[in-house]
């Protein structure tokens, strides 16, 4: 139930930020291209105006669905795996409900979340950065991205960059859940202790 609720919240949360992310991806993704392939945006406003004129308003929301899918996967995997990991550690008898248990459960959750979300993140990123080839989009949808990546680059390329992704997501997950646990304890102590 909690995973379903968090997945839904993640999906809703993923949508509003898509337009600025599209511009950010275009700036970041174009930096490594040869000079003749760069779009030459002067600033964010210039990019927004030119993208709207040259490619249409809907281009600003390219990757919206994969962004929401990624948010759903991240939220569901993170919350469900944290709860399960914490319970497993507590049941082992080696941990008590303290900051060490929360840290270990968070690191496990970050690992699970990284493994679950990387394929969706790759699809999202490639859709946001895709080019038009002979007047047609490079990919049809997120599934098309995943099939092409597996076919041309290999199955395990869906997890290319696992270590840096985990190095970013692991500490984020640790801080999120340690703060959550501390706030829950403070709330119980201040408002629920009779």
Protein backbone atom coordinates (compact mmCIF):
# COMPACT_ATOMS: atom_id res chain seq x y z
CA UNK A 1 0.00 0.00 0.00
CA UNK A 2 2.77 2.45 0.95
CA UNK A 3 4.71 1.59 -2.21
CA UNK A 4 1.61 2.23 -4.35
CA UNK A 5 0.97 5.59 -2.67
CA UNK A 6 4.60 6.65 -2.98
CA UNK A 7 4.72 5.53 -6.60
CA UNK A 8 1.64 7.63 -7.38
CA UNK A 9 3.09 10.65 -5.59
CA UNK A 10 6.33 10.19 -7.49
CA UNK A 11 4.48 10.12 -10.79
CA UNK A 12 2.64 13.32 -9.98
CA UNK A 13 5.85 14.94 -8.76
CA UNK A 14 7.75 14.02 -11.91
CA UNK A 15 5.53 15.93 -14.36
CA UNK A 16 5.81 19.62 -13.44
CA UNK A 17 9.62 19.76 -13.66
CA UNK A 18 9.87 18.29 -17.14
CA UNK A 19 9.95 21.52 -19.17
CA UNK A 20 12.91 23.11 -17.37
CA UNK A 21 14.63 19.73 -17.33
CA UNK A 22 14.32 19.54 -21.10
CA UNK A 23 16.17 22.83 -21.43
CA UNK A 24 18.76 21.75 -18.86
CA UNK A 25 19.32 18.49 -20.73
CA UNK A 26 19.69 20.33 -24.00
CA UNK A 27 22.33 22.63 -22.54
CA UNK A 28 24.19 19.83 -20.76
CA UNK A 29 23.86 17.30 -23.55
CA UNK A 30 25.05 19.65 -26.24
CA UNK A 31 28.23 20.72 -24.49
CA UNK A 32 30.17 17.69 -25.70
CA UNK A 33 29.02 17.89 -29.31
CA UNK A 34 31.17 19.23 -32.14
CA UNK A 35 30.63 22.95 -32.80
CA UNK A 36 28.59 22.35 -35.98
CA UNK A 37 26.06 20.18 -34.09
CA UNK A 38 25.48 22.55 -31.17
CA UNK A 39 22.36 24.65 -31.24
CA UNK A 40 24.03 27.88 -30.09
CA UNK A 41 21.60 28.93 -27.38
CA UNK A 42 22.65 32.17 -25.72
CA UNK A 43 20.76 31.56 -22.46
CA UNK A 44 17.78 29.65 -21.06
CA UNK A 45 15.23 32.16 -22.35
CA UNK A 46 16.74 32.07 -25.83
CA UNK A 47 16.62 28.26 -25.68
CA UNK A 48 12.95 28.25 -24.60
CA UNK A 49 11.95 30.65 -27.37
CA UNK A 50 13.95 28.87 -30.08
CA UNK A 51 12.80 25.39 -29.05
CA UNK A 52 9.19 26.57 -29.09
CA UNK A 53 9.58 28.19 -32.54
CA UNK A 54 11.74 25.56 -34.21
CA UNK A 55 10.41 22.34 -32.70
CA UNK A 56 7.02 23.24 -31.20
CA UNK A 57 5.76 23.79 -27.67
CA UNK A 58 5.26 20.08 -27.02
CA UNK A 59 9.00 19.52 -27.40
CA UNK A 60 9.41 21.19 -24.01
CA UNK A 61 7.61 18.20 -22.51
CA UNK A 62 9.57 15.56 -24.41
CA UNK A 63 10.38 12.87 -21.89
CA UNK A 64 7.51 13.76 -19.57
CA UNK A 65 6.14 10.20 -19.40
CA UNK A 66 9.55 8.58 -18.81
CA UNK A 67 10.27 11.21 -16.14
CA UNK A 68 7.06 10.28 -14.35
CA UNK A 69 7.86 6.57 -14.77
CA UNK A 70 11.30 7.13 -13.25
CA UNK A 71 9.76 9.00 -10.31
CA UNK A 72 7.31 6.13 -9.76
CA UNK A 73 10.08 3.51 -9.83
CA UNK A 74 12.41 5.51 -7.58
CA UNK A 75 9.74 6.23 -4.96
CA UNK A 76 8.32 2.71 -4.93
CA UNK A 77 11.73 1.01 -4.81
CA UNK A 78 13.16 3.40 -2.25
CA UNK A 79 10.31 3.29 0.26
CA UNK A 80 9.49 -0.39 -0.06
CA UNK A 81 13.12 -1.55 0.08
CA UNK A 82 13.90 0.69 3.06
CA UNK A 83 11.01 -0.72 5.07
CA UNK A 84 11.89 -4.30 4.15
CA UNK A 85 15.61 -3.80 4.79
CA UNK A 86 15.01 -2.17 8.15
CA UNK A 87 12.67 -4.95 9.23
CA UNK A 88 15.13 -7.63 8.04
CA UNK A 89 17.98 -5.99 9.98
CA UNK A 90 15.87 -5.68 13.13
CA UNK A 91 14.74 -9.32 12.84
CA UNK A 92 18.35 -10.48 12.50
CA UNK A 93 19.01 -9.67 16.15
CA UNK A 94 22.24 -7.83 15.29
CA UNK A 95 20.62 -4.41 15.08
CA UNK A 96 18.36 -2.33 17.26
CA UNK A 97 16.19 0.54 16.02
CA UNK A 98 18.94 3.16 15.99
CA UNK A 99 20.89 5.31 13.56
CA UNK A 100 23.21 2.43 12.53
CA UNK A 101 20.20 0.31 11.53
CA UNK A 102 18.72 3.27 9.63
CA UNK A 103 22.05 3.89 7.86
CA UNK A 104 22.44 0.24 6.78
CA UNK A 105 18.81 -0.06 5.68
CA UNK A 106 19.18 3.18 3.71
CA UNK A 107 22.31 1.98 1.92
CA UNK A 108 20.53 -1.27 0.98
CA UNK A 109 17.55 0.77 -0.20
CA UNK A 110 19.83 3.00 -2.29
CA UNK A 111 21.35 -0.09 -3.90
CA UNK A 112 17.94 -1.56 -4.74
CA UNK A 113 16.67 1.80 -5.99
CA UNK A 114 19.72 2.25 -8.20
CA UNK A 115 19.30 -1.18 -9.75
CA UNK A 116 15.56 -0.65 -10.30
CA UNK A 117 15.69 2.90 -11.65
CA UNK A 118 18.72 2.94 -13.94
CA UNK A 119 16.97 1.39 -16.99
CA UNK A 120 14.11 3.85 -16.65
CA UNK A 121 16.55 6.72 -16.15
CA UNK A 122 18.44 5.73 -19.30
CA UNK A 123 15.18 5.71 -21.27
CA UNK A 124 14.21 9.10 -19.85
CA UNK A 125 17.58 10.68 -20.61
CA UNK A 126 17.78 9.32 -24.14
CA UNK A 127 14.26 10.48 -24.97
CA UNK A 128 15.02 13.95 -23.62
CA UNK A 129 18.23 14.12 -25.66
CA UNK A 130 16.99 12.36 -28.81
CA UNK A 131 17.58 13.76 -32.25
CA UNK A 132 15.44 13.77 -35.32
CA UNK A 133 16.79 11.43 -38.01
CA UNK A 134 15.40 12.04 -41.50
CA UNK A 135 12.51 13.97 -39.97
CA UNK A 136 11.59 11.16 -37.56
CA UNK A 137 12.33 10.92 -33.84
CA UNK A 138 15.21 8.62 -32.92
CA UNK A 139 12.95 6.65 -30.53
CA UNK A 140 9.20 5.95 -30.48
CA UNK A 141 8.88 5.66 -26.68
CA UNK A 142 10.65 4.43 -23.55
CA UNK A 143 10.24 0.77 -24.45
CA UNK A 144 11.76 1.40 -27.86
CA UNK A 145 14.76 2.97 -26.12
CA UNK A 146 15.17 -0.06 -23.85
CA UNK A 147 14.86 -2.54 -26.73
CA UNK A 148 17.40 -0.65 -28.85
CA UNK A 149 19.85 -0.30 -25.97
CA UNK A 150 19.67 -4.02 -25.21
CA UNK A 151 19.89 -4.94 -28.90
CA UNK A 152 22.79 -2.67 -29.89
CA UNK A 153 24.69 -2.17 -26.64
CA UNK A 154 23.89 -5.28 -24.61
CA UNK A 155 21.62 -6.05 -21.67
CA UNK A 156 24.01 -4.89 -18.97
CA UNK A 157 24.47 -1.51 -20.61
CA UNK A 158 21.14 -0.63 -18.97
CA UNK A 159 23.22 -0.34 -15.79
CA UNK A 160 26.19 1.48 -17.31
CA UNK A 161 27.36 4.05 -14.79
CA UNK A 162 25.99 2.09 -11.82
CA UNK A 163 28.74 3.13 -9.41
CA UNK A 164 28.49 6.92 -9.85
CA UNK A 165 24.69 6.68 -9.86
CA UNK A 166 24.79 4.75 -6.56
CA UNK A 167 27.42 7.15 -5.20
CA UNK A 168 24.87 9.93 -5.71
CA UNK A 169 21.71 8.07 -4.73
CA UNK A 170 23.13 6.16 -1.73
CA UNK A 171 23.96 9.23 0.39
CA UNK A 172 20.73 10.91 -0.71
CA UNK A 173 18.77 7.90 0.50
CA UNK A 174 20.74 7.72 3.77
CA UNK A 175 20.10 11.38 4.56
CA UNK A 176 16.44 11.12 3.58
CA UNK A 177 15.67 8.17 5.83
CA UNK A 178 17.87 9.19 8.76
CA UNK A 179 16.13 12.57 8.83
CA UNK A 180 12.75 10.87 8.44
CA UNK A 181 13.43 8.50 11.35
CA UNK A 182 14.67 11.35 13.57
CA UNK A 183 11.61 13.47 12.73
CA UNK A 184 9.32 10.50 13.46
CA UNK A 185 10.99 10.00 16.85
CA UNK A 186 10.72 13.71 17.67
CA UNK A 187 7.06 13.77 16.61
CA UNK A 188 6.25 10.73 18.77
CA UNK A 189 8.12 12.19 21.73
CA UNK A 190 6.57 15.67 21.44
CA UNK A 191 3.00 14.92 20.37
CA UNK A 192 2.15 11.29 21.05
CA UNK A 193 3.68 10.68 24.47
CA UNK A 194 0.66 11.07 26.75
